């Protein structure tokens, strides 16, 4: 079973994935794959976004790149067209390696799984949603950014309907105990 876990930034995909890990799912966090992919696409990123996205040590500056793309839909689409194929290629490699080692169940966690055509690699798709105010606070705490930047990021994302119309399961992340119960029910439907 390969379960895609998606939804907007700050909704709680990581939390849901941690609960799934407790049920034996191997968690692949696509956000954690991206930094290792930057060196492979560095020339293309510089050509697209300019040399100012490179930090003094010669690596991509995530804050500088984020500032260019999160409030600009065209720039975000350009970044995604560069990174998504590489991310999904790496996800497939990880799944194949883990399957050879006997792993049977996976959760692939990523905000842009639909945009990256991740549903083609997943058996089912789970969407995690949360109220905007909660997402803004979580993003501020997680990324150490201002409210203004967090609001920009949230406002630059897809509407909830983008996810709900495509997902097999939808969870509202507003109460931790309810979230645990819903994840358990979904797990039992997927893996009786």
C-alpha atoms as a PDB file:
ATOM      1  CA  UNK A   1       0.000   0.000   0.000  1.00  0.00           C
ATOM      2  CA  UNK A   2       1.379   3.356  -1.052  1.00  0.00           C
ATOM      3  CA  UNK A   3      -0.630   6.184   0.483  1.00  0.00           C
ATOM      4  CA  UNK A   4      -0.071   9.739  -0.681  1.00  0.00           C
ATOM      5  CA  UNK A   5      -0.513  12.264   2.141  1.00  0.00           C
ATOM      6  CA  UNK A   6      -1.080  15.756   0.776  1.00  0.00           C
ATOM      7  CA  UNK A   7      -2.686  19.081   1.555  1.00  0.00           C
ATOM      8  CA  UNK A   8      -1.635  22.692   1.981  1.00  0.00           C
ATOM      9  CA  UNK A   9       1.402  23.788   3.982  1.00  0.00           C
ATOM     10  CA  UNK A  10       0.790  23.818   7.721  1.00  0.00           C
ATOM     11  CA  UNK A  11      -2.223  21.485   7.570  1.00  0.00           C
ATOM     12  CA  UNK A  12      -0.488  18.688   9.473  1.00  0.00           C
ATOM     13  CA  UNK A  13       0.738  16.197   6.861  1.00  0.00           C
ATOM     14  CA  UNK A  14       3.799  15.440   8.976  1.00  0.00           C
ATOM     15  CA  UNK A  15       1.662  14.748  12.042  1.00  0.00           C
ATOM     16  CA  UNK A  16      -0.598  12.404  10.070  1.00  0.00           C
ATOM     17  CA  UNK A  17       2.452  10.643   8.621  1.00  0.00           C
ATOM     18  CA  UNK A  18       3.931  10.134  12.108  1.00  0.00           C
ATOM     19  CA  UNK A  19       0.709   8.419  13.185  1.00  0.00           C
ATOM     20  CA  UNK A  20       0.853   6.246  10.058  1.00  0.00           C
ATOM     21  CA  UNK A  21       4.445   5.315  10.912  1.00  0.00           C
ATOM     22  CA  UNK A  22       3.115   3.879  14.183  1.00  0.00           C
ATOM     23  CA  UNK A  23       0.990   1.533  12.038  1.00  0.00           C
ATOM     24  CA  UNK A  24       4.029   0.335  10.115  1.00  0.00           C
ATOM     25  CA  UNK A  25       4.012   2.742   7.171  1.00  0.00           C
ATOM     26  CA  UNK A  26       7.432   3.785   5.895  1.00  0.00           C
ATOM     27  CA  UNK A  27       7.312   7.606   5.803  1.00  0.00           C
ATOM     28  CA  UNK A  28       8.809   9.422   2.818  1.00  0.00           C
ATOM     29  CA  UNK A  29       8.783  13.187   3.424  1.00  0.00           C
ATOM     30  CA  UNK A  30       9.268  14.781   0.017  1.00  0.00           C
ATOM     31  CA  UNK A  31      10.343  18.084   1.630  1.00  0.00           C
ATOM     32  CA  UNK A  32      13.379  16.296   3.051  1.00  0.00           C
ATOM     33  CA  UNK A  33      14.357  15.003  -0.395  1.00  0.00           C
ATOM     34  CA  UNK A  34      14.553  18.449  -2.007  1.00  0.00           C
ATOM     35  CA  UNK A  35      17.808  19.753  -0.443  1.00  0.00           C
ATOM     36  CA  UNK A  36      19.732  16.745  -1.792  1.00  0.00           C
ATOM     37  CA  UNK A  37      18.300  17.417  -5.254  1.00  0.00           C
ATOM     38  CA  UNK A  38      19.290  21.099  -5.404  1.00  0.00           C
ATOM     39  CA  UNK A  39      22.899  20.418  -6.500  1.00  0.00           C
ATOM     40  CA  UNK A  40      21.599  18.344  -9.432  1.00  0.00           C
ATOM     41  CA  UNK A  41      19.418  21.209 -10.690  1.00  0.00           C
ATOM     42  CA  UNK A  42      21.544  24.170  -9.531  1.00  0.00           C
ATOM     43  CA  UNK A  43      22.386  25.486 -13.027  1.00  0.00           C
ATOM     44  CA  UNK A  44      18.732  25.325 -14.073  1.00  0.00           C
ATOM     45  CA  UNK A  45      17.595  27.082 -10.878  1.00  0.00           C
ATOM     46  CA  UNK A  46      20.170  29.863 -11.313  1.00  0.00           C
ATOM     47  CA  UNK A  47      19.169  30.300 -14.944  1.00  0.00           C
ATOM     48  CA  UNK A  48      15.485  30.512 -13.972  1.00  0.00           C
ATOM     49  CA  UNK A  49      15.644  32.550 -10.745  1.00  0.00           C
ATOM     50  CA  UNK A  50      18.966  34.370 -10.908  1.00  0.00           C
ATOM     51  CA  UNK A  51      22.273  34.032  -9.039  1.00  0.00           C
ATOM     52  CA  UNK A  52      20.887  35.805  -5.959  1.00  0.00           C
ATOM     53  CA  UNK A  53      19.250  32.531  -4.829  1.00  0.00           C
ATOM     54  CA  UNK A  54      22.711  31.111  -4.106  1.00  0.00           C
ATOM     55  CA  UNK A  55      24.147  31.587  -0.617  1.00  0.00           C
ATOM     56  CA  UNK A  56      27.778  32.445   0.143  1.00  0.00           C
ATOM     57  CA  UNK A  57      28.673  28.759   0.467  1.00  0.00           C
ATOM     58  CA  UNK A  58      27.521  28.114  -3.119  1.00  0.00           C
ATOM     59  CA  UNK A  59      24.341  26.266  -2.179  1.00  0.00           C
ATOM     60  CA  UNK A  60      20.723  27.250  -2.718  1.00  0.00           C
ATOM     61  CA  UNK A  61      19.430  29.677  -0.097  1.00  0.00           C
ATOM     62  CA  UNK A  62      16.016  28.261   0.754  1.00  0.00           C
ATOM     63  CA  UNK A  63      14.745  31.578   2.224  1.00  0.00           C
ATOM     64  CA  UNK A  64      15.827  33.530  -0.872  1.00  0.00           C
ATOM     65  CA  UNK A  65      14.277  30.986  -3.224  1.00  0.00           C
ATOM     66  CA  UNK A  66      11.093  30.879  -1.135  1.00  0.00           C
ATOM     67  CA  UNK A  67      10.813  34.666  -1.245  1.00  0.00           C
ATOM     68  CA  UNK A  68      10.866  34.513  -5.049  1.00  0.00           C
ATOM     69  CA  UNK A  69       8.314  31.742  -5.502  1.00  0.00           C
ATOM     70  CA  UNK A  70       5.737  31.674  -2.711  1.00  0.00           C
ATOM     71  CA  UNK A  71       3.982  34.899  -3.689  1.00  0.00           C
ATOM     72  CA  UNK A  72       4.433  34.410  -7.442  1.00  0.00           C
ATOM     73  CA  UNK A  73       2.369  31.593  -9.010  1.00  0.00           C
ATOM     74  CA  UNK A  74       4.382  31.616 -12.271  1.00  0.00           C
ATOM     75  CA  UNK A  75       7.683  31.365 -10.400  1.00  0.00           C
ATOM     76  CA  UNK A  76       6.328  28.582  -8.204  1.00  0.00           C
ATOM     77  CA  UNK A  77       5.195  26.696 -11.286  1.00  0.00           C
ATOM     78  CA  UNK A  78       8.663  27.104 -12.821  1.00  0.00           C
ATOM     79  CA  UNK A  79      10.293  25.760  -9.650  1.00  0.00           C
ATOM     80  CA  UNK A  80       7.874  22.860  -9.514  1.00  0.00           C
ATOM     81  CA  UNK A  81       8.512  21.929 -13.140  1.00  0.00           C
ATOM     82  CA  UNK A  82      12.217  21.655 -12.302  1.00  0.00           C
ATOM     83  CA  UNK A  83      11.921  19.836  -8.968  1.00  0.00           C
ATOM     84  CA  UNK A  84       8.811  17.620  -9.187  1.00  0.00           C
ATOM     85  CA  UNK A  85      10.141  15.077 -11.695  1.00  0.00           C
ATOM     86  CA  UNK A  86      13.354  14.698  -9.667  1.00  0.00           C
ATOM     87  CA  UNK A  87      11.442  14.330  -6.388  1.00  0.00           C
ATOM     88  CA  UNK A  88       9.123  11.646  -7.766  1.00  0.00           C
ATOM     89  CA  UNK A  89      12.071   9.811  -9.309  1.00  0.00           C
ATOM     90  CA  UNK A  90      13.731   9.747  -5.880  1.00  0.00           C
ATOM     91  CA  UNK A  91      10.465   8.595  -4.218  1.00  0.00           C
ATOM     92  CA  UNK A  92      10.290   5.657  -6.646  1.00  0.00           C
ATOM     93  CA  UNK A  93      13.921   4.750  -5.890  1.00  0.00           C
ATOM     94  CA  UNK A  94      13.266   4.770  -2.125  1.00  0.00           C
ATOM     95  CA  UNK A  95      10.123   2.650  -2.477  1.00  0.00           C
ATOM     96  CA  UNK A  96      11.926   0.090  -4.665  1.00  0.00           C
ATOM     97  CA  UNK A  97      14.839  -0.135  -2.242  1.00  0.00           C
ATOM     98  CA  UNK A  98      12.552  -0.520   0.771  1.00  0.00           C
ATOM     99  CA  UNK A  99      10.361  -3.103  -0.981  1.00  0.00           C
ATOM    100  CA  UNK A 100      13.455  -5.231  -1.640  1.00  0.00           C
ATOM    101  CA  UNK A 101      14.087  -5.070   2.109  1.00  0.00           C
ATOM    102  CA  UNK A 102      10.542  -6.261   2.863  1.00  0.00           C
ATOM    103  CA  UNK A 103       8.679  -3.002   3.500  1.00  0.00           C
ATOM    104  CA  UNK A 104       5.059  -3.283   2.372  1.00  0.00           C
ATOM    105  CA  UNK A 105       3.363  -0.021   3.321  1.00  0.00           C
ATOM    106  CA  UNK A 106       4.418   3.543   2.523  1.00  0.00           C
ATOM    107  CA  UNK A 107       3.126   7.034   3.142  1.00  0.00           C
ATOM    108  CA  UNK A 108       4.476   9.656   0.762  1.00  0.00           C
ATOM    109  CA  UNK A 109       4.054  13.074   2.356  1.00  0.00           C
ATOM    110  CA  UNK A 110       4.098  16.177   0.166  1.00  0.00           C
ATOM    111  CA  UNK A 111       2.140  19.392  -0.345  1.00  0.00           C
ATOM    112  CA  UNK A 112       2.464  19.203  -4.119  1.00  0.00           C
ATOM    113  CA  UNK A 113       1.810  15.513  -4.763  1.00  0.00           C
ATOM    114  CA  UNK A 114      -1.059  16.190  -7.170  1.00  0.00           C
ATOM    115  CA  UNK A 115       0.973  18.802  -9.042  1.00  0.00           C
ATOM    116  CA  UNK A 116       3.834  16.274  -9.280  1.00  0.00           C
ATOM    117  CA  UNK A 117       1.395  13.576 -10.510  1.00  0.00           C
ATOM    118  CA  UNK A 118       2.144  11.602  -7.353  1.00  0.00           C
ATOM    119  CA  UNK A 119      -1.274   9.954  -7.533  1.00  0.00           C
ATOM    120  CA  UNK A 120       0.138   7.900 -10.428  1.00  0.00           C
ATOM    121  CA  UNK A 121       2.545   6.266  -7.963  1.00  0.00           C
ATOM    122  CA  UNK A 122       0.161   5.964  -5.004  1.00  0.00           C
ATOM    123  CA  UNK A 123      -2.651   3.476  -4.415  1.00  0.00           C
ATOM    124  CA  UNK A 124      -4.740   6.021  -2.494  1.00  0.00           C
ATOM    125  CA  UNK A 125      -4.516   9.740  -1.701  1.00  0.00           C
ATOM    126  CA  UNK A 126      -5.223  11.245   1.717  1.00  0.00           C
ATOM    127  CA  UNK A 127      -5.770  14.992   2.016  1.00  0.00           C
ATOM    128  CA  UNK A 128      -5.092  16.797   5.299  1.00  0.00           C
ATOM    129  CA  UNK A 129      -6.782  20.171   5.797  1.00  0.00           C
ATOM    130  CA  UNK A 130      -6.832  22.733   8.615  1.00  0.00           C
ATOM    131  CA  UNK A 131      -8.238  26.239   9.115  1.00  0.00           C
ATOM    132  CA  UNK A 132      -6.074  29.006   7.624  1.00  0.00           C
ATOM    133  CA  UNK A 133      -5.405  30.619  11.000  1.00  0.00           C
ATOM    134  CA  UNK A 134      -4.026  27.324  12.355  1.00  0.00           C
ATOM    135  CA  UNK A 135      -1.884  26.810   9.262  1.00  0.00           C
ATOM    136  CA  UNK A 136      -0.451  30.336   9.505  1.00  0.00           C
ATOM    137  CA  UNK A 137       0.560  29.803  13.138  1.00  0.00           C
ATOM    138  CA  UNK A 138       2.093  26.403  12.401  1.00  0.00           C
ATOM    139  CA  UNK A 139       4.099  27.766   9.463  1.00  0.00           C
ATOM    140  CA  UNK A 140       5.356  30.685  11.571  1.00  0.00           C
ATOM    141  CA  UNK A 141       6.497  28.324  14.335  1.00  0.00           C
ATOM    142  CA  UNK A 142       7.916  25.640  12.040  1.00  0.00           C
ATOM    143  CA  UNK A 143       9.787  27.933   9.657  1.00  0.00           C
ATOM    144  CA  UNK A 144      10.548  30.829  12.008  1.00  0.00           C
ATOM    145  CA  UNK A 145       8.989  33.417   9.700  1.00  0.00           C
ATOM    146  CA  UNK A 146       6.816  36.468  10.281  1.00  0.00           C
ATOM    147  CA  UNK A 147       3.043  36.398  10.171  1.00  0.00           C
ATOM    148  CA  UNK A 148       3.145  38.461   6.983  1.00  0.00           C
ATOM    149  CA  UNK A 149       5.357  35.887   5.230  1.00  0.00           C
ATOM    150  CA  UNK A 150       3.230  32.988   6.528  1.00  0.00           C
ATOM    151  CA  UNK A 151       0.037  34.675   5.287  1.00  0.00           C
ATOM    152  CA  UNK A 152       1.669  35.229   1.867  1.00  0.00           C
ATOM    153  CA  UNK A 153       2.581  31.568   1.721  1.00  0.00           C
ATOM    154  CA  UNK A 154      -0.903  30.379   2.710  1.00  0.00           C
ATOM    155  CA  UNK A 155      -2.598  32.790   0.296  1.00  0.00           C
ATOM    156  CA  UNK A 156      -0.351  31.588  -2.527  1.00  0.00           C
ATOM    157  CA  UNK A 157      -1.535  27.996  -2.183  1.00  0.00           C
ATOM    158  CA  UNK A 158      -4.337  26.081  -3.821  1.00  0.00           C
ATOM    159  CA  UNK A 159      -7.861  26.224  -2.422  1.00  0.00           C
ATOM    160  CA  UNK A 160      -8.993  23.284  -0.279  1.00  0.00           C
ATOM    161  CA  UNK A 161     -11.270  22.096  -3.092  1.00  0.00           C
ATOM    162  CA  UNK A 162      -8.203  21.396  -5.243  1.00  0.00           C
ATOM    163  CA  UNK A 163      -7.287  18.645  -2.772  1.00  0.00           C
ATOM    164  CA  UNK A 164     -10.752  17.415  -1.770  1.00  0.00           C
ATOM    165  CA  UNK A 165     -11.850  16.878  -5.374  1.00  0.00           C
ATOM    166  CA  UNK A 166      -8.862  14.596  -6.029  1.00  0.00           C
ATOM    167  CA  UNK A 167      -8.385  12.750  -2.730  1.00  0.00           C
ATOM    168  CA  UNK A 168      -9.756   9.363  -1.686  1.00  0.00           C
ATOM    169  CA  UNK A 169      -9.807  10.438   1.984  1.00  0.00           C
ATOM    170  CA  UNK A 170     -10.059  13.885   3.613  1.00  0.00           C
ATOM    171  CA  UNK A 171      -9.112  14.653   7.214  1.00  0.00           C
ATOM    172  CA  UNK A 172      -9.697  17.966   8.999  1.00  0.00           C
ATOM    173  CA  UNK A 173      -6.817  18.491  11.422  1.00  0.00           C
ATOM    174  CA  UNK A 174      -8.512  20.491  14.178  1.00  0.00           C
ATOM    175  CA  UNK A 175      -8.445  18.075  17.136  1.00  0.00           C
ATOM    176  CA  UNK A 176      -5.566  15.671  17.835  1.00  0.00           C
ATOM    177  CA  UNK A 177      -7.710  12.925  19.396  1.00  0.00           C
ATOM    178  CA  UNK A 178     -10.188  13.004  16.527  1.00  0.00           C
ATOM    179  CA  UNK A 179      -7.272  12.999  14.075  1.00  0.00           C
ATOM    180  CA  UNK A 180      -5.856   9.820  15.656  1.00  0.00           C
ATOM    181  CA  UNK A 181      -9.256   8.096  15.427  1.00  0.00           C
ATOM    182  CA  UNK A 182      -9.723   9.063  11.773  1.00  0.00           C
ATOM    183  CA  UNK A 183      -6.237   7.851  10.852  1.00  0.00           C
ATOM    184  CA  UNK A 184      -6.900   4.535  12.606  1.00  0.00           C
ATOM    185  CA  UNK A 185     -10.162   4.121  10.648  1.00  0.00           C
ATOM    186  CA  UNK A 186      -8.412   4.887   7.353  1.00  0.00           C
ATOM    187  CA  UNK A 187      -5.576   2.487   8.184  1.00  0.00           C
ATOM    188  CA  UNK A 188      -8.116  -0.275   8.924  1.00  0.00           C
ATOM    189  CA  UNK A 189      -9.819   0.348   5.566  1.00  0.00           C
ATOM    190  CA  UNK A 190      -6.495   0.184   3.735  1.00  0.00           C
ATOM    191  CA  UNK A 191      -4.834  -2.600   5.715  1.00  0.00           C
ATOM    192  CA  UNK A 192      -7.460  -4.686   7.546  1.00  0.00           C
END
